[in-house]
Amino acid sequence: RLCSLEPCLLHVAPNTSNFTRSVDGYDLLIDDDLKPWLVEVNASPSLSASTQSDRIMKQSLIRDVYRIVCPQDSWADWKGA
């Protein structure tokens, strides 16, 4: 489950049980002391790839999102639909 924002959403809209999930892009810088600094958050990050390592990372991201959103144990509920 994508849970990083769920506590915030429950605080903002406590009577809402279903939330729309999205893939956001977080740009971070790590300084010499290994402290992370948030640079920006992208609501619609690009999933196009320009290098092989970029392609591998983004394909893994898409695969992981599908595994989270549609876990295999829930497939029986909709396979026959």
N, C-alpha and C. Protein backbone atom coordinates (compact mmCIF):
# COMPACT_ATOMS: atom_id res chain seq x y z
N ARG A 1 0.83 -1.19 0.00
CA ARG A 1 0.00 0.00 0.00
C ARG A 1 0.86 1.24 0.00
N LEU A 2 0.38 2.24 -0.68
CA LEU A 2 1.05 3.54 -0.66
C LEU A 2 0.49 4.31 0.53
N CYS A 3 1.25 4.37 1.58
CA CYS A 3 0.73 4.91 2.83
C CYS A 3 1.36 6.22 3.28
N SER A 4 2.30 6.76 2.54
CA SER A 4 3.02 7.92 3.05
C SER A 4 2.13 9.13 3.32
N LEU A 5 1.10 9.33 2.51
CA LEU A 5 0.23 10.49 2.70
C LEU A 5 -1.11 10.14 3.37
N GLU A 6 -1.36 8.87 3.57
CA GLU A 6 -2.66 8.46 4.10
C GLU A 6 -3.00 9.12 5.44
N PRO A 7 -2.09 9.19 6.42
CA PRO A 7 -2.44 9.87 7.67
C PRO A 7 -2.83 11.33 7.46
N CYS A 8 -2.16 12.01 6.55
CA CYS A 8 -2.50 13.41 6.27
C CYS A 8 -3.88 13.50 5.64
N LEU A 9 -4.17 12.61 4.70
CA LEU A 9 -5.47 12.63 4.03
C LEU A 9 -6.59 12.33 5.02
N LEU A 10 -6.35 11.39 5.93
CA LEU A 10 -7.37 11.07 6.94
C LEU A 10 -7.62 12.25 7.86
N HIS A 11 -6.60 13.06 8.11
CA HIS A 11 -6.77 14.25 8.94
C HIS A 11 -7.56 15.33 8.20
N VAL A 12 -7.27 15.49 6.92
CA VAL A 12 -7.92 16.53 6.12
C VAL A 12 -9.36 16.15 5.80
N ALA A 13 -9.59 14.87 5.47
CA ALA A 13 -10.93 14.42 5.08
C ALA A 13 -11.27 13.14 5.85
N PRO A 14 -11.56 13.25 7.16
CA PRO A 14 -11.74 12.05 7.99
C PRO A 14 -12.95 11.20 7.63
N ASN A 15 -13.94 11.75 6.95
CA ASN A 15 -15.14 10.98 6.61
C ASN A 15 -15.08 10.36 5.23
N THR A 16 -13.94 10.42 4.60
CA THR A 16 -13.78 9.86 3.27
C THR A 16 -12.99 8.56 3.39
N SER A 17 -13.56 7.47 2.88
CA SER A 17 -12.89 6.18 3.02
C SER A 17 -12.07 5.80 1.80
N ASN A 18 -12.38 6.37 0.63
CA ASN A 18 -11.65 6.04 -0.58
C ASN A 18 -10.90 7.25 -1.10
N PHE A 19 -9.61 7.09 -1.32
CA PHE A 19 -8.78 8.16 -1.83
C PHE A 19 -8.24 7.76 -3.18
N THR A 20 -8.07 8.73 -4.04
CA THR A 20 -7.41 8.51 -5.31
C THR A 20 -5.91 8.54 -5.06
N ARG A 21 -5.24 7.52 -5.56
CA ARG A 21 -3.79 7.46 -5.39
C ARG A 21 -3.12 7.91 -6.68
N SER A 22 -1.94 8.46 -6.59
CA SER A 22 -1.19 8.88 -7.76
C SER A 22 0.29 8.61 -7.54
N VAL A 23 1.00 8.58 -8.63
CA VAL A 23 2.45 8.47 -8.56
C VAL A 23 3.01 9.88 -8.68
N ASP A 24 3.69 10.32 -7.65
CA ASP A 24 4.29 11.64 -7.65
C ASP A 24 5.80 11.49 -7.74
N GLY A 25 6.46 12.50 -8.27
CA GLY A 25 7.92 12.49 -8.35
C GLY A 25 8.51 13.44 -7.33
N TYR A 26 9.40 12.93 -6.50
CA TYR A 26 10.06 13.74 -5.48
C TYR A 26 11.52 13.92 -5.88
N ASP A 27 11.95 15.16 -6.05
CA ASP A 27 13.35 15.45 -6.36
C ASP A 27 14.06 15.83 -5.07
N LEU A 28 15.10 15.08 -4.73
CA LEU A 28 15.84 15.29 -3.50
C LEU A 28 17.31 15.53 -3.80
N LEU A 29 17.92 16.34 -2.97
CA LEU A 29 19.38 16.49 -2.97
C LEU A 29 19.88 15.93 -1.64
N ILE A 30 20.99 15.22 -1.69
CA ILE A 30 21.60 14.68 -0.48
C ILE A 30 22.91 15.44 -0.26
N ASP A 31 23.04 16.11 0.90
CA ASP A 31 24.24 16.91 1.13
C ASP A 31 25.38 16.04 1.67
N ASP A 32 26.52 16.64 1.97
CA ASP A 32 27.71 15.92 2.42
C ASP A 32 27.49 15.19 3.74
N ASP A 33 26.53 15.65 4.54
CA ASP A 33 26.21 15.01 5.81
C ASP A 33 25.10 13.97 5.66
N LEU A 34 24.76 13.65 4.41
CA LEU A 34 23.70 12.70 4.06
C LEU A 34 22.32 13.17 4.49
N LYS A 35 22.16 14.47 4.62
CA LYS A 35 20.86 15.05 4.95
C LYS A 35 20.10 15.28 3.64
N PRO A 36 18.86 14.76 3.54
CA PRO A 36 18.08 14.98 2.32
C PRO A 36 17.40 16.34 2.33
N TRP A 37 17.36 16.96 1.16
CA TRP A 37 16.69 18.25 0.97
C TRP A 37 15.68 18.10 -0.16
N LEU A 38 14.42 18.38 0.13
CA LEU A 38 13.38 18.31 -0.89
C LEU A 38 13.49 19.52 -1.81
N VAL A 39 13.65 19.27 -3.11
CA VAL A 39 13.77 20.34 -4.09
C VAL A 39 12.41 20.66 -4.68
N GLU A 40 11.69 19.62 -5.12
CA GLU A 40 10.36 19.84 -5.68
C GLU A 40 9.59 18.53 -5.70
N VAL A 41 8.27 18.65 -5.85
CA VAL A 41 7.39 17.50 -6.01
C VAL A 41 6.67 17.67 -7.34
N ASN A 42 6.74 16.64 -8.17
CA ASN A 42 6.09 16.68 -9.48
C ASN A 42 4.81 15.85 -9.44
N ALA A 43 3.69 16.48 -9.74
CA ALA A 43 2.41 15.77 -9.73
C ALA A 43 2.28 14.82 -10.90
N SER A 44 2.96 15.07 -11.98
CA SER A 44 2.90 14.21 -13.16
C SER A 44 4.32 13.97 -13.69
N PRO A 45 5.09 13.12 -12.99
CA PRO A 45 6.46 12.91 -13.43
C PRO A 45 6.51 12.18 -14.77
N SER A 46 7.53 12.49 -15.55
CA SER A 46 7.70 11.85 -16.85
C SER A 46 8.08 10.39 -16.66
N LEU A 47 7.45 9.51 -17.42
CA LEU A 47 7.80 8.10 -17.40
C LEU A 47 8.55 7.69 -18.66
N SER A 48 8.93 8.67 -19.48
CA SER A 48 9.75 8.35 -20.65
C SER A 48 11.19 8.14 -20.17
N ALA A 49 11.94 7.36 -20.93
CA ALA A 49 13.29 7.02 -20.52
C ALA A 49 14.29 7.39 -21.61
N SER A 50 15.40 7.96 -21.20
CA SER A 50 16.43 8.34 -22.17
C SER A 50 17.68 7.47 -22.08
N THR A 51 17.83 6.72 -20.99
CA THR A 51 18.97 5.82 -20.84
C THR A 51 18.48 4.45 -20.39
N GLN A 52 19.34 3.47 -20.49
CA GLN A 52 18.98 2.11 -20.07
C GLN A 52 18.68 2.06 -18.57
N SER A 53 19.48 2.72 -17.75
CA SER A 53 19.24 2.70 -16.30
C SER A 53 17.93 3.42 -15.96
N ASP A 54 17.62 4.49 -16.66
CA ASP A 54 16.36 5.21 -16.48
C ASP A 54 15.19 4.31 -16.84
N ARG A 55 15.31 3.59 -17.94
CA ARG A 55 14.26 2.67 -18.40
C ARG A 55 14.03 1.56 -17.38
N ILE A 56 15.10 0.99 -16.86
CA ILE A 56 14.97 -0.08 -15.86
C ILE A 56 14.28 0.43 -14.61
N MET A 57 14.68 1.61 -14.13
CA MET A 57 14.08 2.17 -12.92
C MET A 57 12.60 2.46 -13.11
N LYS A 58 12.23 3.04 -14.25
CA LYS A 58 10.83 3.39 -14.48
C LYS A 58 9.96 2.17 -14.75
N GLN A 59 10.49 1.16 -15.42
CA GLN A 59 9.74 -0.08 -15.59
C GLN A 59 9.51 -0.77 -14.24
N SER A 60 10.51 -0.72 -13.38
CA SER A 60 10.34 -1.29 -12.03
C SER A 60 9.29 -0.52 -11.24
N LEU A 61 9.29 0.80 -11.38
CA LEU A 61 8.29 1.62 -10.70
C LEU A 61 6.88 1.24 -11.15
N ILE A 62 6.68 1.14 -12.46
CA ILE A 62 5.36 0.80 -12.99
C ILE A 62 4.93 -0.59 -12.53
N ARG A 63 5.86 -1.55 -12.56
CA ARG A 63 5.56 -2.91 -12.09
C ARG A 63 5.15 -2.88 -10.62
N ASP A 64 5.90 -2.15 -9.80
CA ASP A 64 5.60 -2.10 -8.37
C ASP A 64 4.26 -1.43 -8.09
N VAL A 65 3.94 -0.38 -8.84
CA VAL A 65 2.64 0.28 -8.66
C VAL A 65 1.51 -0.69 -8.97
N TYR A 66 1.62 -1.45 -10.06
CA TYR A 66 0.60 -2.44 -10.39
C TYR A 66 0.48 -3.50 -9.30
N ARG A 67 1.58 -3.93 -8.75
CA ARG A 67 1.54 -4.93 -7.67
C ARG A 67 0.85 -4.39 -6.43
N ILE A 68 1.02 -3.10 -6.16
CA ILE A 68 0.38 -2.50 -5.00
C ILE A 68 -1.10 -2.28 -5.24
N VAL A 69 -1.45 -1.74 -6.41
CA VAL A 69 -2.84 -1.40 -6.72
C VAL A 69 -3.67 -2.65 -6.99
N CYS A 70 -3.09 -3.64 -7.65
CA CYS A 70 -3.81 -4.86 -8.02
C CYS A 70 -3.05 -6.08 -7.51
N PRO A 71 -3.04 -6.32 -6.19
CA PRO A 71 -2.33 -7.49 -5.67
C PRO A 71 -2.94 -8.77 -6.22
N GLN A 72 -2.12 -9.78 -6.47
CA GLN A 72 -2.59 -11.00 -7.11
C GLN A 72 -3.68 -11.70 -6.32
N ASP A 73 -3.70 -11.58 -4.99
CA ASP A 73 -4.75 -12.24 -4.22
C ASP A 73 -6.13 -11.62 -4.46
N SER A 74 -6.19 -10.43 -5.08
CA SER A 74 -7.49 -9.82 -5.39
C SER A 74 -7.95 -10.13 -6.81
N TRP A 75 -7.11 -10.81 -7.61
CA TRP A 75 -7.45 -11.08 -9.00
C TRP A 75 -8.67 -11.97 -9.14
N ALA A 76 -8.88 -12.87 -8.21
CA ALA A 76 -10.02 -13.79 -8.31
C ALA A 76 -11.34 -13.04 -8.32
N ASP A 77 -11.39 -11.87 -7.71
CA ASP A 77 -12.62 -11.08 -7.64
C ASP A 77 -13.04 -10.55 -9.01
N TRP A 78 -12.09 -10.32 -9.93
CA TRP A 78 -12.46 -9.68 -11.19
C TRP A 78 -12.02 -10.43 -12.41
N LYS A 79 -11.37 -11.60 -12.29
CA LYS A 79 -10.91 -12.34 -13.47
C LYS A 79 -12.06 -12.73 -14.39
N GLY A 80 -13.19 -13.08 -13.82
CA GLY A 80 -14.31 -13.53 -14.65
C GLY A 80 -15.20 -12.42 -15.15
N ALA A 81 -14.87 -11.19 -14.79
CA ALA A 81 -15.74 -10.06 -15.20
C ALA A 81 -15.63 -9.78 -16.67
